[in-house]
Amino acid sequence: MASHKLLVTPPKALLKPLSIPNQLLLGPGPSNLPPRIMAAGGLQMIGSMSKDMYQIMDEIKEGIQYVFQTRNPLTLVISGSGHCALEAALVNVLEPGDSFLVGANGIWGQRAVDIGERIGARVHPMTKDPGGHYTLQEVEEGLAQHKPVLLFLTHGESSTGVLQPLDGFGELCHRYKCLLLVDSVASLGGTPLYMDRQGTSLISFSDKAKKKMYSRKTKPFSFYLDIKWLANFWGCDDQPRMYHHTIPVISLYSLRESLALIAEQGLENSWRQHREAAAYLHGRLQALGLQLFVKDPALRLPTVTTVAVPAGYDWRDIVSYVIDHFDIEIMGGLGPSTGKVLRIGLLGCNATRENVDRVTEALRAALQHCPKKKL
């Protein structure tokens, strides 16, 4: 028996059943899950270093290579969010004093700048207003001037809705002996990405990137994100696997099933689904009199559409009305796009014409009922 009286009583909230609202998540993420992925999350736990778990991990690696269209052996999963994977890539590739060129046209470029500065790299931001993108000429000028070891670009900038063209950037970086890091968290599976025609990415590394990481003069600042350890644990170095951390087994079940769904659908069909759903959404939004934030259709991210906040409205009123009256989540801007845009996501199974109809009708009602300020 305990010798001291408990100071904290059982929380009353935890003595009630868990209650989850039924909402349609049409923000830039997270999104609703297909039944098969939700079912995977309810399967029985197995040992994190068992042969059965290693088999699942190997299947996941093959799935990642498929969606990235890469044969890189150093392909793995980071136990964390996409933000964690960004940090993992940077703390392993960059060392103090390295020159780092960053395309900062949204929040993810800003975050890359911040992480690079914390590492002690010489960071050179190429800053653009929200909605901007980078041309080959602009990047080449930065490469020639700063001679970086690494260039960072965001393929799908979810804070602004911009799809950054990547054709030619891999060849450009090879010419300047620079690695290319591409953030594709918001674009993967929704729009074409051919990693082996480019450079390195958040969870898959080219041989040149591996050579840079494995010949470091200093250890990465993070043990948890040390790619040498992670590569071994994920079976990427042909050595006996050693314990590094306890992986999120249940989450990996769900990841395996999500990759299986993409493989069964076919990557090109997935791209087509998102492209067609986004085009339908754009037409419906424009029919409401709303203005798409990214003017050039070729630069619009299919998975996340940004709409300029209509004049006279507070974006928070619109977002609140849509969730309160229709149980649909959309979001406002993020980072440099805060107050400028509304963000509507069509990710995975949510990329349907039915969901487009639902969210545009909700927006129509919001524009009719939300207070409009006099300009």
Protein backbone atom coordinates (compact mmCIF):
# COMPACT_ATOMS: atom_id res chain seq x y z
CA MET A 1 0.00 0.00 0.00
CA ALA A 2 1.14 3.55 -0.71
CA SER A 3 2.36 5.37 2.37
CA HIS A 4 1.27 8.80 1.15
CA LYS A 5 -2.12 10.09 0.11
CA LEU A 6 -2.43 10.82 -3.60
CA LEU A 7 -2.15 14.52 -4.38
CA VAL A 8 -3.86 14.30 -7.77
CA THR A 9 -7.22 12.57 -8.18
CA PRO A 10 -8.24 10.71 -11.36
CA PRO A 11 -9.21 13.31 -14.00
CA LYS A 12 -12.99 13.40 -14.41
CA ALA A 13 -12.62 13.86 -18.16
CA LEU A 14 -10.81 10.51 -18.43
CA LEU A 15 -13.65 8.71 -16.65
CA LYS A 16 -15.92 9.46 -19.60
CA PRO A 17 -15.90 7.62 -22.96
CA LEU A 18 -13.73 9.15 -25.68
CA SER A 19 -15.90 11.20 -28.02
CA ILE A 20 -14.68 12.04 -31.53
CA PRO A 21 -16.77 14.34 -33.79
CA ASN A 22 -17.63 13.19 -37.29
CA GLN A 23 -15.98 15.83 -39.46
CA LEU A 24 -14.87 16.11 -43.07
CA LEU A 25 -11.25 17.25 -42.94
CA LEU A 26 -10.60 19.41 -45.98
CA GLY A 27 -7.65 21.36 -44.65
CA PRO A 28 -4.04 20.80 -45.78
CA GLY A 29 -3.78 17.82 -43.41
CA PRO A 30 -4.55 15.66 -41.63
CA SER A 31 -7.30 14.19 -43.79
CA ASN A 32 -9.93 11.51 -43.34
CA LEU A 33 -8.73 7.91 -43.59
CA PRO A 34 -10.13 5.03 -45.65
CA PRO A 35 -11.65 2.20 -43.57
CA ARG A 36 -8.75 -0.13 -44.43
CA ILE A 37 -6.20 2.21 -42.87
CA MET A 38 -8.34 2.75 -39.77
CA ALA A 39 -8.75 -1.02 -39.41
CA ALA A 40 -4.97 -1.45 -39.54
CA GLY A 41 -4.69 0.83 -36.53
CA GLY A 42 -6.78 -1.64 -34.52
CA LEU A 43 -4.63 -4.69 -35.18
CA GLN A 44 -2.71 -6.49 -32.44
CA MET A 45 0.73 -5.24 -31.45
CA ILE A 46 3.80 -7.29 -32.35
CA GLY A 47 7.42 -6.96 -31.26
CA SER A 48 9.19 -3.96 -32.75
CA MET A 49 12.27 -6.05 -33.55
CA SER A 50 10.54 -9.26 -34.54
CA LYS A 51 11.01 -10.87 -37.95
CA ASP A 52 7.35 -10.13 -38.71
CA MET A 53 7.92 -6.43 -38.03
CA TYR A 54 11.06 -6.42 -40.15
CA GLN A 55 9.01 -7.87 -43.00
CA ILE A 56 6.47 -5.04 -42.67
CA MET A 57 9.30 -2.49 -42.59
CA ASP A 58 10.79 -3.95 -45.77
CA GLU A 59 7.40 -3.75 -47.49
CA ILE A 60 7.09 -0.13 -46.41
CA LYS A 61 10.51 0.67 -47.89
CA GLU A 62 9.43 -0.80 -51.22
CA GLY A 63 6.27 1.29 -51.10
CA ILE A 64 8.24 4.46 -50.42
CA GLN A 65 10.55 3.70 -53.33
CA TYR A 66 7.47 3.31 -55.51
CA VAL A 67 5.79 6.60 -54.56
CA PHE A 68 9.11 8.46 -54.79
CA GLN A 69 10.01 6.63 -58.00
CA THR A 70 13.50 5.89 -56.73
CA ARG A 71 15.82 2.89 -56.39
CA ASN A 72 17.80 4.45 -53.56
CA PRO A 73 18.73 1.73 -51.04
CA LEU A 74 18.84 4.36 -48.25
CA THR A 75 15.07 4.71 -48.05
CA LEU A 76 13.36 4.64 -44.67
CA VAL A 77 10.74 6.08 -42.33
CA ILE A 78 11.35 8.68 -39.64
CA SER A 79 9.33 8.03 -36.46
CA GLY A 80 7.75 11.46 -36.37
CA SER A 81 5.88 14.04 -38.40
CA GLY A 82 6.92 15.45 -41.76
CA HIS A 83 8.52 18.27 -39.82
CA CYS A 84 10.65 15.69 -38.01
CA ALA A 85 11.76 14.25 -41.34
CA LEU A 86 12.79 17.72 -42.53
CA GLU A 87 14.88 18.14 -39.42
CA ALA A 88 16.38 14.65 -39.85
CA ALA A 89 17.51 15.46 -43.38
CA LEU A 90 19.09 18.76 -42.39
CA VAL A 91 20.87 17.66 -39.20
CA ASN A 92 22.44 14.75 -41.08
CA VAL A 93 23.47 16.52 -44.28
CA LEU A 94 24.56 19.88 -42.86
CA GLU A 95 27.53 20.55 -40.60
CA PRO A 96 28.52 23.84 -38.93
CA GLY A 97 29.93 26.21 -41.52
CA ASP A 98 28.33 24.50 -44.52
CA SER A 99 26.75 26.81 -47.09
CA PHE A 100 23.00 26.19 -47.35
CA LEU A 101 20.78 27.75 -50.05
CA VAL A 102 17.07 27.86 -49.19
CA GLY A 103 14.02 28.63 -51.26
CA ALA A 104 11.94 30.48 -48.67
CA ASN A 105 8.60 31.15 -50.37
CA GLY A 106 6.43 29.87 -47.52
CA ILE A 107 6.54 28.50 -44.00
CA TRP A 108 8.50 25.34 -44.83
CA GLY A 109 11.35 27.28 -46.36
CA GLN A 110 11.30 29.54 -43.31
CA ARG A 111 11.51 26.48 -41.06
CA ALA A 112 14.43 25.12 -43.09
CA VAL A 113 16.23 28.45 -42.60
CA ASP A 114 15.61 28.28 -38.84
CA ILE A 115 16.89 24.69 -38.56
CA GLY A 116 19.94 25.47 -40.69
CA GLU A 117 20.83 28.41 -38.46
CA ARG A 118 20.50 26.25 -35.34
CA ILE A 119 22.93 23.74 -36.88
CA GLY A 120 25.42 26.54 -37.50
CA ALA A 121 25.30 26.44 -41.29
CA ARG A 122 25.82 29.55 -43.38
CA VAL A 123 22.22 29.97 -44.51
CA HIS A 124 21.35 31.93 -47.64
CA PRO A 125 17.57 32.40 -47.99
CA MET A 126 16.07 33.20 -51.37
CA THR A 127 13.01 34.94 -49.95
CA LYS A 128 9.85 35.40 -51.97
CA ASP A 129 6.38 36.65 -51.12
CA PRO A 130 3.66 34.00 -50.65
CA GLY A 131 2.61 32.67 -54.04
CA GLY A 132 6.06 32.95 -55.58
CA HIS A 133 8.15 30.13 -57.05
CA TYR A 134 11.73 29.71 -58.28
CA THR A 135 13.09 29.60 -61.82
CA LEU A 136 16.20 27.75 -62.91
CA GLN A 137 17.93 31.05 -63.60
CA GLU A 138 17.23 32.39 -60.09
CA VAL A 139 18.51 29.25 -58.44
CA GLU A 140 21.59 29.07 -60.65
CA GLU A 141 22.50 32.61 -59.63
CA GLY A 142 22.28 31.54 -55.98
CA LEU A 143 24.34 28.41 -56.60
CA ALA A 144 27.03 30.37 -58.39
CA GLN A 145 27.19 33.05 -55.69
CA HIS A 146 27.02 30.94 -52.51
CA LYS A 147 28.41 27.56 -53.64
CA PRO A 148 26.20 25.64 -51.23
CA VAL A 149 26.52 21.99 -50.30
CA LEU A 150 22.70 21.78 -50.17
CA LEU A 151 19.74 23.44 -51.88
CA PHE A 152 16.29 23.22 -50.29
CA LEU A 153 13.06 23.59 -52.27
CA THR A 154 9.47 22.88 -51.24
CA HIS A 155 7.70 20.90 -53.96
CA GLY A 156 4.22 21.43 -52.50
CA GLU A 157 4.12 24.58 -50.37
CA SER A 158 0.97 23.88 -48.35
CA SER A 159 0.96 27.33 -46.73
CA THR A 160 0.55 29.08 -50.09
CA GLY A 161 -0.75 26.42 -52.49
CA VAL A 162 2.25 26.67 -54.82
CA LEU A 163 3.58 23.68 -56.76
CA GLN A 164 7.29 24.29 -57.40
CA PRO A 165 8.46 22.95 -60.79
CA LEU A 166 11.42 20.61 -60.35
CA ASP A 167 12.46 19.77 -63.91
CA GLY A 168 16.08 20.71 -64.48
CA PHE A 169 16.96 21.42 -60.84
CA GLY A 170 18.58 18.04 -60.27
CA GLU A 171 20.85 18.50 -63.30
CA LEU A 172 21.63 22.05 -62.18
CA CYS A 173 22.66 20.87 -58.72
CA HIS A 174 24.83 18.11 -60.15
CA ARG A 175 26.61 20.69 -62.27
CA TYR A 176 27.35 22.82 -59.19
CA LYS A 177 28.19 19.78 -57.00
CA CYS A 178 25.30 20.57 -54.69
CA LEU A 179 22.79 18.21 -53.08
CA LEU A 180 19.08 18.87 -53.58
CA LEU A 181 16.62 18.44 -50.71
CA VAL A 182 12.93 18.48 -51.71
CA ASP A 183 10.06 18.74 -49.23
CA SER A 184 7.20 16.78 -50.79
CA VAL A 185 5.04 16.23 -47.70
CA ALA A 186 2.03 17.98 -49.27
CA SER A 187 2.54 16.77 -52.83
CA LEU A 188 3.56 13.10 -52.60
CA GLY A 189 0.99 10.88 -54.28
CA GLY A 190 -0.99 13.86 -55.53
CA THR A 191 1.24 15.12 -58.32
CA PRO A 192 4.16 13.66 -60.30
CA LEU A 193 7.50 13.38 -58.51
CA TYR A 194 10.43 11.46 -59.97
CA MET A 195 13.12 11.49 -57.32
CA ASP A 196 15.83 9.74 -59.33
CA ARG A 197 15.63 12.55 -61.87
CA GLN A 198 16.28 15.09 -59.09
CA GLY A 199 18.43 14.54 -55.97
CA THR A 200 17.69 13.73 -52.34
CA SER A 201 14.51 13.89 -50.29
CA LEU A 202 13.16 13.79 -46.79
CA ILE A 203 13.07 10.04 -46.31
CA SER A 204 15.13 8.73 -49.19
CA PHE A 205 18.74 9.67 -49.87
CA SER A 206 20.81 9.38 -53.02
CA ASP A 207 24.28 7.82 -53.01
CA LYS A 208 25.82 11.30 -53.13
CA ALA A 209 23.80 12.38 -50.11
CA LYS A 210 24.81 9.18 -48.30
CA LYS A 211 28.48 9.89 -49.02
CA LYS A 212 28.09 13.41 -47.59
CA MET A 213 26.39 12.14 -44.43
CA TYR A 214 28.74 9.19 -43.89
CA SER A 215 31.88 11.33 -44.26
CA ARG A 216 30.87 13.96 -41.70
CA LYS A 217 33.62 15.45 -39.53
CA THR A 218 31.17 15.86 -36.65
CA LYS A 219 28.34 13.74 -35.29
CA PRO A 220 24.79 14.92 -36.07
CA PHE A 221 23.36 17.00 -33.23
CA SER A 222 20.52 14.51 -32.79
CA PHE A 223 21.04 10.87 -31.82
CA TYR A 224 17.37 10.10 -32.41
CA LEU A 225 17.60 11.35 -36.01
CA ASP A 226 21.08 9.99 -36.82
CA ILE A 227 20.68 8.46 -40.27
CA LYS A 228 23.50 5.94 -39.77
CA TRP A 229 21.60 4.41 -36.87
CA LEU A 230 18.26 4.66 -38.64
CA ALA A 231 19.64 3.17 -41.85
CA ASN A 232 20.85 0.14 -39.92
CA PHE A 233 17.56 -0.27 -38.07
CA TRP A 234 15.64 -0.10 -41.36
CA GLY A 235 17.90 -2.66 -43.03
CA CYS A 236 19.52 -0.24 -45.45
CA ASP A 237 23.18 -1.13 -44.83
CA ASP A 238 23.20 -4.94 -45.17
CA GLN A 239 24.36 -5.26 -41.54
CA PRO A 240 22.59 -7.01 -38.63
CA ARG A 241 19.91 -4.68 -37.33
CA MET A 242 20.58 -3.09 -33.94
CA TYR A 243 18.11 -1.44 -31.60
CA HIS A 244 17.88 2.33 -31.99
CA HIS A 245 14.44 3.31 -30.71
CA THR A 246 11.05 1.70 -30.25
CA ILE A 247 9.24 2.32 -33.51
CA PRO A 248 5.50 3.18 -33.59
CA VAL A 249 4.35 -0.29 -34.61
CA ILE A 250 0.64 0.50 -34.99
CA SER A 251 1.35 3.63 -37.04
CA LEU A 252 3.55 1.59 -39.35
CA TYR A 253 0.71 -0.86 -39.93
CA SER A 254 -1.37 2.07 -41.16
CA LEU A 255 1.47 3.44 -43.27
CA ARG A 256 1.93 0.03 -44.88
CA GLU A 257 -1.75 -0.09 -45.79
CA SER A 258 -1.76 3.48 -47.14
CA LEU A 259 1.16 2.62 -49.44
CA ALA A 260 -0.66 -0.57 -50.45
CA LEU A 261 -3.73 1.45 -51.45
CA ILE A 262 -1.60 3.72 -53.65
CA ALA A 263 0.11 0.70 -55.20
CA GLU A 264 -3.25 -0.92 -55.96
CA GLN A 265 -4.70 2.27 -57.41
CA GLY A 266 -1.55 3.03 -59.36
CA LEU A 267 0.52 6.17 -58.91
CA GLU A 268 -0.55 7.69 -62.23
CA ASN A 269 -4.22 7.12 -61.37
CA SER A 270 -3.68 8.80 -58.00
CA TRP A 271 -2.12 11.81 -59.71
CA ARG A 272 -5.06 11.95 -62.13
CA GLN A 273 -7.61 11.74 -59.32
CA HIS A 274 -6.10 14.69 -57.48
CA ARG A 275 -5.61 16.73 -60.65
CA GLU A 276 -9.24 16.28 -61.76
CA ALA A 277 -10.66 16.93 -58.29
CA ALA A 278 -8.59 20.11 -57.97
CA ALA A 279 -9.69 21.38 -61.38
CA TYR A 280 -13.34 20.80 -60.43
CA LEU A 281 -12.78 22.62 -57.12
CA HIS A 282 -11.18 25.58 -58.89
CA GLY A 283 -14.19 25.95 -61.17
CA ARG A 284 -16.67 25.77 -58.30
CA LEU A 285 -14.75 28.33 -56.25
CA GLN A 286 -14.53 30.76 -59.15
CA ALA A 287 -18.27 30.33 -59.75
CA LEU A 288 -18.76 31.64 -56.19
CA GLY A 289 -16.78 34.75 -57.12
CA LEU A 290 -13.74 33.71 -55.12
CA GLN A 291 -10.23 34.35 -56.45
CA LEU A 292 -7.61 31.63 -56.54
CA PHE A 293 -4.45 32.84 -54.80
CA VAL A 294 -2.03 31.18 -57.25
CA LYS A 295 -2.74 32.80 -60.61
CA ASP A 296 -0.84 30.42 -62.91
CA PRO A 297 -2.72 27.09 -63.19
CA ALA A 298 0.56 25.25 -63.80
CA LEU A 299 1.83 26.37 -60.38
CA ARG A 300 -1.24 25.32 -58.38
CA LEU A 301 -0.71 22.48 -55.94
CA PRO A 302 -3.43 19.86 -56.66
CA THR A 303 -3.65 18.69 -53.06
CA VAL A 304 -4.02 22.11 -51.39
CA THR A 305 -5.90 24.99 -53.01
CA THR A 306 -5.52 28.52 -51.69
CA VAL A 307 -8.21 31.16 -52.07
CA ALA A 308 -7.67 34.85 -51.42
CA VAL A 309 -9.70 35.90 -48.39
CA PRO A 310 -12.64 37.79 -49.91
CA ALA A 311 -12.62 41.53 -49.27
CA GLY A 312 -14.44 42.61 -46.13
CA TYR A 313 -14.47 39.20 -44.47
CA ASP A 314 -12.49 37.93 -41.52
CA TRP A 315 -11.08 34.54 -42.53
CA ARG A 316 -11.67 33.24 -39.01
CA ASP A 317 -15.42 33.87 -39.33
CA ILE A 318 -15.55 31.81 -42.53
CA VAL A 319 -13.53 28.91 -41.11
CA SER A 320 -15.63 28.86 -37.94
CA TYR A 321 -18.93 28.97 -39.83
CA VAL A 322 -17.98 26.08 -42.07
CA ILE A 323 -16.98 23.81 -39.17
CA ASP A 324 -19.83 24.87 -36.86
CA HIS A 325 -22.63 24.53 -39.41
CA PHE A 326 -21.34 21.87 -41.82
CA ASP A 327 -18.75 19.86 -39.82
CA ILE A 328 -16.18 20.58 -42.52
CA GLU A 329 -12.69 21.72 -41.63
CA ILE A 330 -10.87 24.18 -43.85
CA MET A 331 -8.04 26.40 -42.68
CA GLY A 332 -6.68 29.88 -42.97
CA GLY A 333 -3.15 30.75 -43.97
CA LEU A 334 0.02 29.67 -42.20
CA GLY A 335 3.17 31.63 -41.56
CA PRO A 336 3.60 34.31 -44.25
CA SER A 337 0.17 33.55 -45.75
CA THR A 338 -1.73 34.12 -42.48
CA GLY A 339 -4.69 36.43 -43.04
CA LYS A 340 -4.26 36.30 -46.81
CA VAL A 341 -5.74 32.94 -47.82
CA LEU A 342 -8.17 30.16 -47.07
CA ARG A 343 -6.72 26.68 -47.61
CA ILE A 344 -8.79 23.76 -48.90
CA GLY A 345 -7.20 20.34 -49.08
CA LEU A 346 -8.18 17.39 -51.26
CA LEU A 347 -5.91 14.65 -49.97
CA GLY A 348 -6.17 10.93 -50.66
CA CYS A 349 -9.70 9.54 -50.35
CA ASN A 350 -11.03 13.08 -49.80
CA ALA A 351 -10.19 14.07 -53.39
CA THR A 352 -13.72 13.57 -54.79
CA ARG A 353 -16.30 15.67 -56.63
CA GLU A 354 -18.78 14.96 -53.82
CA ASN A 355 -16.50 16.58 -51.25
CA VAL A 356 -15.92 19.53 -53.57
CA ASP A 357 -19.68 20.05 -53.79
CA ARG A 358 -20.01 19.86 -50.02
CA VAL A 359 -17.30 22.36 -49.24
CA THR A 360 -18.33 24.87 -51.91
CA GLU A 361 -21.93 24.82 -50.68
CA ALA A 362 -20.63 25.40 -47.16
CA LEU A 363 -18.56 28.34 -48.40
CA ARG A 364 -21.58 29.74 -50.25
CA ALA A 365 -23.55 29.72 -46.99
CA ALA A 366 -20.64 31.23 -45.06
CA LEU A 367 -20.36 34.14 -47.49
CA GLN A 368 -24.08 34.78 -47.09
CA HIS A 369 -24.17 34.66 -43.31
CA CYS A 370 -20.77 35.82 -42.03
CA PRO A 371 -20.55 39.52 -41.13
CA LYS A 372 -18.94 41.69 -43.77
CA LYS A 373 -17.01 44.73 -42.68
CA LYS A 374 -17.29 48.03 -44.46
CA LEU A 375 -14.16 48.87 -46.41
